[in-house]
PDB file of all heavy atoms in Angstrom:
ATOM      1  N   ASP A   1      60.714 179.914 142.906  1.00  0.00           N
ATOM      2  CA  ASP A   1      59.877 178.720 142.985  1.00  0.00           C
ATOM      3  C   ASP A   1      59.478 178.254 141.584  1.00  0.00           C
ATOM      4  O   ASP A   1      58.321 177.989 141.320  1.00  0.00           O
ATOM      5  CB  ASP A   1      58.643 179.002 143.836  1.00  0.00           C
ATOM      6  CG  ASP A   1      57.973 177.730 144.316  1.00  0.00           C
ATOM      7  OD1 ASP A   1      58.629 176.673 144.312  1.00  0.00           O
ATOM      8  OD2 ASP A   1      56.790 177.793 144.683  1.00  0.00           O
ATOM      9  N   SER A   2      60.435 178.197 140.717  1.00  0.00           N
ATOM     10  CA  SER A   2      60.121 177.773 139.362  1.00  0.00           C
ATOM     11  C   SER A   2      60.469 176.298 139.179  1.00  0.00           C
ATOM     12  O   SER A   2      61.223 175.713 139.947  1.00  0.00           O
ATOM     13  CB  SER A   2      60.887 178.625 138.348  1.00  0.00           C
ATOM     14  OG  SER A   2      62.274 178.442 138.536  1.00  0.00           O
ATOM     15  N   ALA A   3      59.914 175.736 138.160  1.00  0.00           N
ATOM     16  CA  ALA A   3      60.134 174.315 137.866  1.00  0.00           C
ATOM     17  C   ALA A   3      61.355 174.138 136.970  1.00  0.00           C
ATOM     18  O   ALA A   3      61.262 173.586 135.883  1.00  0.00           O
ATOM     19  CB  ALA A   3      58.886 173.732 137.213  1.00  0.00           C
ATOM     20  N   VAL A   4      62.499 174.609 137.443  1.00  0.00           N
ATOM     21  CA  VAL A   4      63.727 174.440 136.671  1.00  0.00           C
ATOM     22  C   VAL A   4      64.476 173.212 137.184  1.00  0.00           C
ATOM     23  O   VAL A   4      64.266 172.760 138.304  1.00  0.00           O
ATOM     24  CB  VAL A   4      64.635 175.692 136.733  1.00  0.00           C
ATOM     25  CG1 VAL A   4      63.923 176.914 136.181  1.00  0.00           C
ATOM     26  CG2 VAL A   4      65.120 175.954 138.134  1.00  0.00           C
ATOM     27  N   ALA A   5      65.343 172.699 136.360  1.00  0.00           N
ATOM     28  CA  ALA A   5      66.116 171.511 136.709  1.00  0.00           C
ATOM     29  C   ALA A   5      67.038 171.806 137.893  1.00  0.00           C
ATOM     30  O   ALA A   5      67.473 172.937 138.102  1.00  0.00           O
ATOM     31  CB  ALA A   5      66.939 171.057 135.503  1.00  0.00           C
ATOM     32  N   ILE A   6      67.348 170.778 138.647  1.00  0.00           N
ATOM     33  CA  ILE A   6      68.198 170.915 139.828  1.00  0.00           C
ATOM     34  C   ILE A   6      69.569 171.480 139.459  1.00  0.00           C
ATOM     35  O   ILE A   6      70.149 172.243 140.234  1.00  0.00           O
ATOM     36  CB  ILE A   6      68.325 169.574 140.600  1.00  0.00           C
ATOM     37  CG1 ILE A   6      69.108 169.753 141.907  1.00  0.00           C
ATOM     38  CG2 ILE A   6      68.945 168.499 139.719  1.00  0.00           C
ATOM     39  CD1 ILE A   6      68.461 170.597 142.945  1.00  0.00           C
ATOM     40  N   GLU A   7      70.081 171.157 138.283  1.00  0.00           N
ATOM     41  CA  GLU A   7      71.377 171.692 137.867  1.00  0.00           C
ATOM     42  C   GLU A   7      71.327 173.219 137.801  1.00  0.00           C
ATOM     43  O   GLU A   7      72.265 173.893 138.199  1.00  0.00           O
ATOM     44  CB  GLU A   7      71.797 171.125 136.503  1.00  0.00           C
ATOM     45  CG  GLU A   7      72.040 169.646 136.495  1.00  0.00           C
ATOM     46  CD  GLU A   7      70.781 168.805 136.283  1.00  0.00           C
ATOM     47  OE1 GLU A   7      69.678 169.386 136.091  1.00  0.00           O
ATOM     48  OE2 GLU A   7      70.894 167.571 136.362  1.00  0.00           O
ATOM     49  N   LYS A   8      70.237 173.747 137.296  1.00  0.00           N
ATOM     50  CA  LYS A   8      70.061 175.196 137.194  1.00  0.00           C
ATOM     51  C   LYS A   8      69.892 175.815 138.592  1.00  0.00           C
ATOM     52  O   LYS A   8      70.468 176.867 138.883  1.00  0.00           O
ATOM     53  CB  LYS A   8      68.849 175.511 136.314  1.00  0.00           C
ATOM     54  CG  LYS A   8      68.582 176.981 136.119  1.00  0.00           C
ATOM     55  CD  LYS A   8      69.575 177.622 135.208  1.00  0.00           C
ATOM     56  CE  LYS A   8      69.145 179.046 134.908  1.00  0.00           C
ATOM     57  NZ  LYS A   8      70.194 179.812 134.275  1.00  0.00           N
ATOM     58  N   LYS A   9      69.121 175.155 139.437  1.00  0.00           N
ATOM     59  CA  LYS A   9      68.950 175.646 140.807  1.00  0.00           C
ATOM     60  C   LYS A   9      70.296 175.688 141.512  1.00  0.00           C
ATOM     61  O   LYS A   9      70.615 176.660 142.194  1.00  0.00           O
ATOM     62  CB  LYS A   9      67.967 174.762 141.580  1.00  0.00           C
ATOM     63  CG  LYS A   9      66.546 174.916 141.110  1.00  0.00           C
ATOM     64  CD  LYS A   9      65.614 173.967 141.827  1.00  0.00           C
ATOM     65  CE  LYS A   9      64.210 174.137 141.282  1.00  0.00           C
ATOM     66  NZ  LYS A   9      63.283 173.143 141.795  1.00  0.00           N
ATOM     67  N   TYR A  10      71.072 174.634 141.359  1.00  0.00           N
ATOM     68  CA  TYR A  10      72.407 174.582 141.965  1.00  0.00           C
ATOM     69  C   TYR A  10      73.256 175.756 141.476  1.00  0.00           C
ATOM     70  O   TYR A  10      73.900 176.441 142.268  1.00  0.00           O
ATOM     71  CB  TYR A  10      73.094 173.255 141.639  1.00  0.00           C
ATOM     72  CG  TYR A  10      74.576 173.302 141.840  1.00  0.00           C
ATOM     73  CD1 TYR A  10      75.121 173.201 143.116  1.00  0.00           C
ATOM     74  CD2 TYR A  10      75.430 173.499 140.767  1.00  0.00           C
ATOM     75  CE1 TYR A  10      76.489 173.285 143.310  1.00  0.00           C
ATOM     76  CE2 TYR A  10      76.798 173.577 140.955  1.00  0.00           C
ATOM     77  CZ  TYR A  10      77.321 173.469 142.225  1.00  0.00           C
ATOM     78  OH  TYR A  10      78.673 173.564 142.403  1.00  0.00           O
ATOM     79  N   SER A  11      73.256 176.003 140.181  1.00  0.00           N
ATOM     80  CA  SER A  11      74.053 177.089 139.602  1.00  0.00           C
ATOM     81  C   SER A  11      73.624 178.451 140.160  1.00  0.00           C
ATOM     82  O   SER A  11      74.463 179.286 140.498  1.00  0.00           O
ATOM     83  CB  SER A  11      73.910 177.067 138.079  1.00  0.00           C
ATOM     84  OG  SER A  11      74.627 178.112 137.500  1.00  0.00           O
ATOM     85  N   ILE A  12      72.334 178.651 140.279  1.00  0.00           N
ATOM     86  CA  ILE A  12      71.813 179.913 140.821  1.00  0.00           C
ATOM     87  C   ILE A  12      72.201 180.059 142.291  1.00  0.00           C
ATOM     88  O   ILE A  12      72.627 181.130 142.730  1.00  0.00           O
ATOM     89  CB  ILE A  12      70.281 179.992 140.614  1.00  0.00           C
ATOM     90  CG1 ILE A  12      69.972 180.147 139.118  1.00  0.00           C
ATOM     91  CG2 ILE A  12      69.673 181.131 141.425  1.00  0.00           C
ATOM     92  CD1 ILE A  12      68.510 179.952 138.757  1.00  0.00           C
ATOM     93  N   VAL A  13      72.081 178.977 143.063  1.00  0.00           N
ATOM     94  CA  VAL A  13      72.449 179.010 144.480  1.00  0.00           C
ATOM     95  C   VAL A  13      73.946 179.250 144.633  1.00  0.00           C
ATOM     96  O   VAL A  13      74.372 180.061 145.465  1.00  0.00           O
ATOM     97  CB  VAL A  13      72.008 177.713 145.197  1.00  0.00           C
ATOM     98  CG1 VAL A  13      72.661 177.582 146.556  1.00  0.00           C
ATOM     99  CG2 VAL A  13      70.485 177.675 145.316  1.00  0.00           C
ATOM    100  N   LYS A  14      74.739 178.576 143.826  1.00  0.00           N
ATOM    101  CA  LYS A  14      76.198 178.765 143.889  1.00  0.00           C
ATOM    102  C   LYS A  14      76.552 180.228 143.610  1.00  0.00           C
ATOM    103  O   LYS A  14      77.354 180.830 144.336  1.00  0.00           O
ATOM    104  CB  LYS A  14      76.892 177.853 142.881  1.00  0.00           C
ATOM    105  CG  LYS A  14      78.387 177.997 142.878  1.00  0.00           C
ATOM    106  CD  LYS A  14      79.013 177.108 141.823  1.00  0.00           C
ATOM    107  CE  LYS A  14      80.476 177.459 141.671  1.00  0.00           C
ATOM    108  NZ  LYS A  14      81.089 176.797 140.542  1.00  0.00           N
ATOM    109  N   ASP A  15      75.951 180.813 142.586  1.00  0.00           N
ATOM    110  CA  ASP A  15      76.193 182.225 142.285  1.00  0.00           C
ATOM    111  C   ASP A  15      75.758 183.119 143.443  1.00  0.00           C
ATOM    112  O   ASP A  15      76.428 184.094 143.772  1.00  0.00           O
ATOM    113  CB  ASP A  15      75.464 182.645 141.003  1.00  0.00           C
ATOM    114  CG  ASP A  15      76.093 182.057 139.752  1.00  0.00           C
ATOM    115  OD1 ASP A  15      77.232 181.540 139.813  1.00  0.00           O
ATOM    116  OD2 ASP A  15      75.419 182.089 138.697  1.00  0.00           O
ATOM    117  N   SER A  16      74.636 182.792 144.062  1.00  0.00           N
ATOM    118  CA  SER A  16      74.152 183.569 145.198  1.00  0.00           C
ATOM    119  C   SER A  16      75.120 183.478 146.373  1.00  0.00           C
ATOM    120  O   SER A  16      75.405 184.490 147.019  1.00  0.00           O
ATOM    121  CB  SER A  16      72.769 183.077 145.623  1.00  0.00           C
ATOM    122  OG  SER A  16      72.365 183.732 146.794  1.00  0.00           O
ATOM    123  N   LEU A  17      75.624 182.287 146.652  1.00  0.00           N
ATOM    124  CA  LEU A  17      76.581 182.141 147.740  1.00  0.00           C
ATOM    125  C   LEU A  17      77.838 182.964 147.474  1.00  0.00           C
ATOM    126  O   LEU A  17      78.420 183.537 148.391  1.00  0.00           O
ATOM    127  CB  LEU A  17      76.938 180.671 147.950  1.00  0.00           C
ATOM    128  CG  LEU A  17      75.837 179.801 148.544  1.00  0.00           C
ATOM    129  CD1 LEU A  17      76.257 178.334 148.538  1.00  0.00           C
ATOM    130  CD2 LEU A  17      75.459 180.243 149.936  1.00  0.00           C
ATOM    131  N   THR A  18      78.222 183.045 146.231  1.00  0.00           N
ATOM    132  CA  THR A  18      79.408 183.818 145.855  1.00  0.00           C
ATOM    133  C   THR A  18      79.137 185.318 145.895  1.00  0.00           C
ATOM    134  O   THR A  18      79.966 186.088 146.374  1.00  0.00           O
ATOM    135  CB  THR A  18      79.873 183.416 144.428  1.00  0.00           C
ATOM    136  OG1 THR A  18      80.171 182.017 144.428  1.00  0.00           O
ATOM    137  CG2 THR A  18      81.088 184.204 144.001  1.00  0.00           C
ATOM    138  N   ASN A  19      77.969 185.741 145.426  1.00  0.00           N
ATOM    139  CA  ASN A  19      77.700 187.168 145.226  1.00  0.00           C
ATOM    140  C   ASN A  19      76.863 187.844 146.307  1.00  0.00           C
ATOM    141  O   ASN A  19      76.971 189.049 146.492  1.00  0.00           O
ATOM    142  CB  ASN A  19      77.011 187.374 143.872  1.00  0.00           C
ATOM    143  CG  ASN A  19      77.884 186.916 142.726  1.00  0.00           C
ATOM    144  OD1 ASN A  19      79.088 187.145 142.711  1.00  0.00           O
ATOM    145  ND2 ASN A  19      77.286 186.228 141.765  1.00  0.00           N
ATOM    146  N   ASN A  20      76.002 187.119 147.001  1.00  0.00           N
ATOM    147  CA  ASN A  20      75.078 187.728 147.959  1.00  0.00           C
ATOM    148  C   ASN A  20      75.561 187.662 149.398  1.00  0.00           C
ATOM    149  O   ASN A  20      75.010 188.343 150.259  1.00  0.00           O
ATOM    150  CB  ASN A  20      73.698 187.068 147.899  1.00  0.00           C
ATOM    151  CG  ASN A  20      73.004 187.293 146.584  1.00  0.00           C
ATOM    152  OD1 ASN A  20      73.580 187.794 145.642  1.00  0.00           O
ATOM    153  ND2 ASN A  20      71.757 186.911 146.504  1.00  0.00           N
ATOM    154  N   PHE A  21      76.537 186.821 149.660  1.00  0.00           N
ATOM    155  CA  PHE A  21      76.988 186.625 151.032  1.00  0.00           C
ATOM    156  C   PHE A  21      78.396 187.167 151.201  1.00  0.00           C
ATOM    157  O   PHE A  21      79.258 186.955 150.352  1.00  0.00           O
ATOM    158  CB  PHE A  21      76.965 185.133 151.401  1.00  0.00           C
ATOM    159  CG  PHE A  21      75.573 184.580 151.490  1.00  0.00           C
ATOM    160  CD1 PHE A  21      74.945 184.061 150.372  1.00  0.00           C
ATOM    161  CD2 PHE A  21      74.881 184.610 152.686  1.00  0.00           C
ATOM    162  CE1 PHE A  21      73.657 183.563 150.445  1.00  0.00           C
ATOM    163  CE2 PHE A  21      73.587 184.114 152.774  1.00  0.00           C
ATOM    164  CZ  PHE A  21      72.975 183.592 151.643  1.00  0.00           C
ATOM    165  N   ARG A  22      78.579 187.858 152.314  1.00  0.00           N
ATOM    166  CA  ARG A  22      79.924 188.338 152.615  1.00  0.00           C
ATOM    167  C   ARG A  22      80.859 187.158 152.823  1.00  0.00           C
ATOM    168  O   ARG A  22      82.020 187.193 152.422  1.00  0.00           O
ATOM    169  CB  ARG A  22      79.914 189.228 153.851  1.00  0.00           C
ATOM    170  CG  ARG A  22      81.298 189.715 154.213  1.00  0.00           C
ATOM    171  CD  ARG A  22      81.251 190.859 155.138  1.00  0.00           C
ATOM    172  NE  ARG A  22      82.593 191.305 155.476  1.00  0.00           N
ATOM    173  CZ  ARG A  22      82.829 192.354 156.214  1.00  0.00           C
ATOM    174  NH1 ARG A  22      81.823 193.083 156.658  1.00  0.00           N
ATOM    175  NH2 ARG A  22      84.059 192.689 156.502  1.00  0.00           N
ATOM    176  N   LYS A  23      80.330 186.112 153.461  1.00  0.00           N
ATOM    177  CA  LYS A  23      81.146 184.925 153.685  1.00  0.00           C
ATOM    178  C   LYS A  23      80.238 183.722 153.871  1.00  0.00           C
ATOM    179  O   LYS A  23      79.163 183.819 154.436  1.00  0.00           O
ATOM    180  CB  LYS A  23      82.010 185.113 154.935  1.00  0.00           C
ATOM    181  CG  LYS A  23      82.934 183.965 155.194  1.00  0.00           C
ATOM    182  CD  LYS A  23      84.339 184.418 155.379  1.00  0.00           C
ATOM    183  CE  LYS A  23      85.243 183.203 155.499  1.00  0.00           C
ATOM    184  NZ  LYS A  23      86.424 183.454 156.229  1.00  0.00           N
ATOM    185  N   VAL A  24      80.705 182.587 153.366  1.00  0.00           N
ATOM    186  CA  VAL A  24      80.061 181.304 153.587  1.00  0.00           C
ATOM    187  C   VAL A  24      80.949 180.547 154.567  1.00  0.00           C
ATOM    188  O   VAL A  24      82.132 180.344 154.305  1.00  0.00           O
ATOM    189  CB  VAL A  24      79.901 180.516 152.274  1.00  0.00           C
ATOM    190  CG1 VAL A  24      79.298 179.140 152.540  1.00  0.00           C
ATOM    191  CG2 VAL A  24      79.072 181.301 151.271  1.00  0.00           C
ATOM    192  N   PHE A  25      80.384 180.168 155.699  1.00  0.00           N
ATOM    193  CA  PHE A  25      81.132 179.471 156.734  1.00  0.00           C
ATOM    194  C   PHE A  25      80.755 177.999 156.763  1.00  0.00           C
ATOM    195  O   PHE A  25      79.682 177.619 156.308  1.00  0.00           O
ATOM    196  CB  PHE A  25      80.821 180.062 158.110  1.00  0.00           C
ATOM    197  CG  PHE A  25      81.245 181.486 158.302  1.00  0.00           C
ATOM    198  CD1 PHE A  25      80.304 182.495 158.354  1.00  0.00           C
ATOM    199  CD2 PHE A  25      82.584 181.806 158.461  1.00  0.00           C
ATOM    200  CE1 PHE A  25      80.684 183.817 158.560  1.00  0.00           C
ATOM    201  CE2 PHE A  25      82.977 183.128 158.669  1.00  0.00           C
ATOM    202  CZ  PHE A  25      82.024 184.124 158.723  1.00  0.00           C
ATOM    203  N   SER A  26      81.616 177.206 157.370  1.00  0.00           N
ATOM    204  CA  SER A  26      81.328 175.803 157.628  1.00  0.00           C
ATOM    205  C   SER A  26      81.011 175.643 159.106  1.00  0.00           C
ATOM    206  O   SER A  26      81.721 176.185 159.954  1.00  0.00           O
ATOM    207  CB  SER A  26      82.533 174.931 157.273  1.00  0.00           C
ATOM    208  OG  SER A  26      82.353 173.622 157.769  1.00  0.00           O
ATOM    209  N   THR A  27      79.981 174.879 159.413  1.00  0.00           N
ATOM    210  CA  THR A  27      79.668 174.633 160.824  1.00  0.00           C
ATOM    211  C   THR A  27      80.794 173.869 161.509  1.00  0.00           C
ATOM    212  O   THR A  27      80.929 173.932 162.723  1.00  0.00           O
ATOM    213  CB  THR A  27      78.348 173.863 161.006  1.00  0.00           C
ATOM    214  OG1 THR A  27      78.431 172.641 160.282  1.00  0.00           O
ATOM    215  CG2 THR A  27      77.175 174.687 160.539  1.00  0.00           C
ATOM    216  N   ARG A  28      81.601 173.192 160.720  1.00  0.00           N
ATOM    217  CA  ARG A  28      82.740 172.472 161.297  1.00  0.00           C
ATOM    218  C   ARG A  28      83.691 173.445 161.994  1.00  0.00           C
ATOM    219  O   ARG A  28      84.384 173.088 162.939  1.00  0.00           O
ATOM    220  CB  ARG A  28      83.469 171.701 160.207  1.00  0.00           C
ATOM    221  CG  ARG A  28      84.548 170.777 160.748  1.00  0.00           C
ATOM    222  CD  ARG A  28      85.115 169.877 159.694  1.00  0.00           C
ATOM    223  NE  ARG A  28      84.076 168.941 159.291  1.00  0.00           N
ATOM    224  CZ  ARG A  28      83.996 168.391 158.093  1.00  0.00           C
ATOM    225  NH1 ARG A  28      84.879 168.670 157.180  1.00  0.00           N
ATOM    226  NH2 ARG A  28      83.024 167.562 157.799  1.00  0.00           N
ATOM    227  N   ASN A  29      83.735 174.688 161.533  1.00  0.00           N
ATOM    228  CA  ASN A  29      84.606 175.719 162.111  1.00  0.00           C
ATOM    229  C   ASN A  29      83.775 176.849 162.709  1.00  0.00           C
ATOM    230  O   ASN A  29      84.104 178.022 162.543  1.00  0.00           O
ATOM    231  CB  ASN A  29      85.543 176.268 161.031  1.00  0.00           C
ATOM    232  CG  ASN A  29      86.382 175.188 160.406  1.00  0.00           C
ATOM    233  OD1 ASN A  29      86.960 174.359 161.103  1.00  0.00           O
ATOM    234  ND2 ASN A  29      86.436 175.170 159.089  1.00  0.00           N
ATOM    235  N   PHE A  30      82.705 176.478 163.402  1.00  0.00           N
ATOM    236  CA  PHE A  30      81.780 177.495 163.895  1.00  0.00           C
ATOM    237  C   PHE A  30      82.461 178.504 164.809  1.00  0.00           C
ATOM    238  O   PHE A  30      82.230 179.709 164.703  1.00  0.00           O
ATOM    239  CB  PHE A  30      80.587 176.856 164.623  1.00  0.00           C
ATOM    240  CG  PHE A  30      79.546 177.870 164.995  1.00  0.00           C
ATOM    241  CD1 PHE A  30      78.572 178.243 164.085  1.00  0.00           C
ATOM    242  CD2 PHE A  30      79.563 178.487 166.234  1.00  0.00           C
ATOM    243  CE1 PHE A  30      77.628 179.204 164.402  1.00  0.00           C
ATOM    244  CE2 PHE A  30      78.615 179.444 166.571  1.00  0.00           C
ATOM    245  CZ  PHE A  30      77.644 179.804 165.651  1.00  0.00           C
ATOM    246  N   GLU A  31      83.307 178.047 165.713  1.00  0.00           N
ATOM    247  CA  GLU A  31      83.931 178.971 166.664  1.00  0.00           C
ATOM    248  C   GLU A  31      84.845 179.975 165.959  1.00  0.00           C
ATOM    249  O   GLU A  31      84.885 181.147 166.334  1.00  0.00           O
ATOM    250  CB  GLU A  31      84.677 178.215 167.753  1.00  0.00           C
ATOM    251  CG  GLU A  31      83.757 177.409 168.662  1.00  0.00           C
ATOM    252  CD  GLU A  31      82.653 178.245 169.315  1.00  0.00           C
ATOM    253  OE1 GLU A  31      82.878 179.425 169.638  1.00  0.00           O
ATOM    254  OE2 GLU A  31      81.547 177.704 169.509  1.00  0.00           O
ATOM    255  N   THR A  32      85.551 179.535 164.935  1.00  0.00           N
ATOM    256  CA  THR A  32      86.387 180.453 164.155  1.00  0.00           C
ATOM    257  C   THR A  32      85.517 181.473 163.432  1.00  0.00           C
ATOM    258  O   THR A  32      85.818 182.670 163.408  1.00  0.00           O
ATOM    259  CB  THR A  32      87.255 179.678 163.148  1.00  0.00           C
ATOM    260  OG1 THR A  32      88.054 178.736 163.860  1.00  0.00           O
ATOM    261  CG2 THR A  32      88.139 180.596 162.335  1.00  0.00           C
ATOM    262  N   SER A  33      84.412 181.012 162.869  1.00  0.00           N
ATOM    263  CA  SER A  33      83.521 181.940 162.172  1.00  0.00           C
ATOM    264  C   SER A  33      82.878 182.911 163.159  1.00  0.00           C
ATOM    265  O   SER A  33      82.682 184.080 162.837  1.00  0.00           O
ATOM    266  CB  SER A  33      82.468 181.189 161.362  1.00  0.00           C
ATOM    267  OG  SER A  33      81.663 180.371 162.169  1.00  0.00           O
ATOM    268  N   TRP A  34      82.569 182.441 164.373  1.00  0.00           N
ATOM    269  CA  TRP A  34      82.042 183.339 165.396  1.00  0.00           C
ATOM    270  C   TRP A  34      83.033 184.459 165.686  1.00  0.00           C
ATOM    271  O   TRP A  34      82.642 185.624 165.826  1.00  0.00           O
ATOM    272  CB  TRP A  34      81.698 182.576 166.678  1.00  0.00           C
ATOM    273  CG  TRP A  34      81.469 183.501 167.839  1.00  0.00           C
ATOM    274  CD1 TRP A  34      82.265 183.651 168.925  1.00  0.00           C
ATOM    275  CD2 TRP A  34      80.407 184.438 168.007  1.00  0.00           C
ATOM    276  NE1 TRP A  34      81.758 184.611 169.779  1.00  0.00           N
ATOM    277  CE2 TRP A  34      80.610 185.115 169.228  1.00  0.00           C
ATOM    278  CE3 TRP A  34      79.295 184.776 167.239  1.00  0.00           C
ATOM    279  CZ2 TRP A  34      79.744 186.095 169.702  1.00  0.00           C
ATOM    280  CZ3 TRP A  34      78.439 185.764 167.717  1.00  0.00           C
ATOM    281  CH2 TRP A  34      78.662 186.406 168.925  1.00  0.00           C
ATOM    282  N   ASN A  35      84.312 184.131 165.757  1.00  0.00           N
ATOM    283  CA  ASN A  35      85.329 185.162 165.983  1.00  0.00           C
ATOM    284  C   ASN A  35      85.275 186.220 164.894  1.00  0.00           C
ATOM    285  O   ASN A  35      85.370 187.419 165.170  1.00  0.00           O
ATOM    286  CB  ASN A  35      86.727 184.541 166.035  1.00  0.00           C
ATOM    287  CG  ASN A  35      86.950 183.694 167.272  1.00  0.00           C
ATOM    288  OD1 ASN A  35      86.222 183.782 168.246  1.00  0.00           O
ATOM    289  ND2 ASN A  35      87.963 182.854 167.212  1.00  0.00           N
ATOM    290  N   GLU A  36      85.148 185.790 163.639  1.00  0.00           N
ATOM    291  CA  GLU A  36      85.079 186.741 162.514  1.00  0.00           C
ATOM    292  C   GLU A  36      83.839 187.618 162.608  1.00  0.00           C
ATOM    293  O   GLU A  36      83.913 188.838 162.418  1.00  0.00           O
ATOM    294  CB  GLU A  36      85.086 185.995 161.179  1.00  0.00           C
ATOM    295  CG  GLU A  36      86.431 185.417 160.806  1.00  0.00           C
ATOM    296  CD  GLU A  36      86.419 184.823 159.417  1.00  0.00           C
ATOM    297  OE1 GLU A  36      85.983 185.533 158.468  1.00  0.00           O
ATOM    298  OE2 GLU A  36      86.832 183.665 159.274  1.00  0.00           O
ATOM    299  N   ILE A  37      82.706 187.004 162.904  1.00  0.00           N
ATOM    300  CA  ILE A  37      81.452 187.764 163.014  1.00  0.00           C
ATOM    301  C   ILE A  37      81.560 188.780 164.158  1.00  0.00           C
ATOM    302  O   ILE A  37      81.175 189.941 164.009  1.00  0.00           O
ATOM    303  CB  ILE A  37      80.253 186.815 163.246  1.00  0.00           C
ATOM    304  CG1 ILE A  37      80.053 185.878 162.058  1.00  0.00           C
ATOM    305  CG2 ILE A  37      78.987 187.590 163.573  1.00  0.00           C
ATOM    306  CD1 ILE A  37      79.591 186.541 160.795  1.00  0.00           C
ATOM    307  N   ALA A  38      82.086 188.341 165.291  1.00  0.00           N
ATOM    308  CA  ALA A  38      82.224 189.247 166.445  1.00  0.00           C
ATOM    309  C   ALA A  38      83.121 190.431 166.099  1.00  0.00           C
ATOM    310  O   ALA A  38      82.829 191.571 166.478  1.00  0.00           O
ATOM    311  CB  ALA A  38      82.765 188.482 167.651  1.00  0.00           C
ATOM    312  N   GLU A  39      84.201 190.182 165.369  1.00  0.00           N
ATOM    313  CA  GLU A  39      85.083 191.283 164.952  1.00  0.00           C
ATOM    314  C   GLU A  39      84.367 192.235 164.007  1.00  0.00           C
ATOM    315  O   GLU A  39      84.457 193.454 164.156  1.00  0.00           O
ATOM    316  CB  GLU A  39      86.343 190.729 164.296  1.00  0.00           C
ATOM    317  CG  GLU A  39      87.357 190.206 165.294  1.00  0.00           C
ATOM    318  CD  GLU A  39      88.641 189.739 164.616  1.00  0.00           C
ATOM    319  OE1 GLU A  39      89.029 190.318 163.573  1.00  0.00           O
ATOM    320  OE2 GLU A  39      89.255 188.797 165.143  1.00  0.00           O
TER     321      GLU A  39
END
C-alpha cells in the first residue's frame, strides 16, 4: 500500500504473477483451466 507510480505497481504485479502463481488462467478458457485444476 505504498504511494508508488502505477508503472512500478504494474512491474511488481507482473513479477508476482510470474513468480507467485503456479499458473495464470484466462476466464475466456475457464473450462480448460478447470480441467487442469481438477487434475
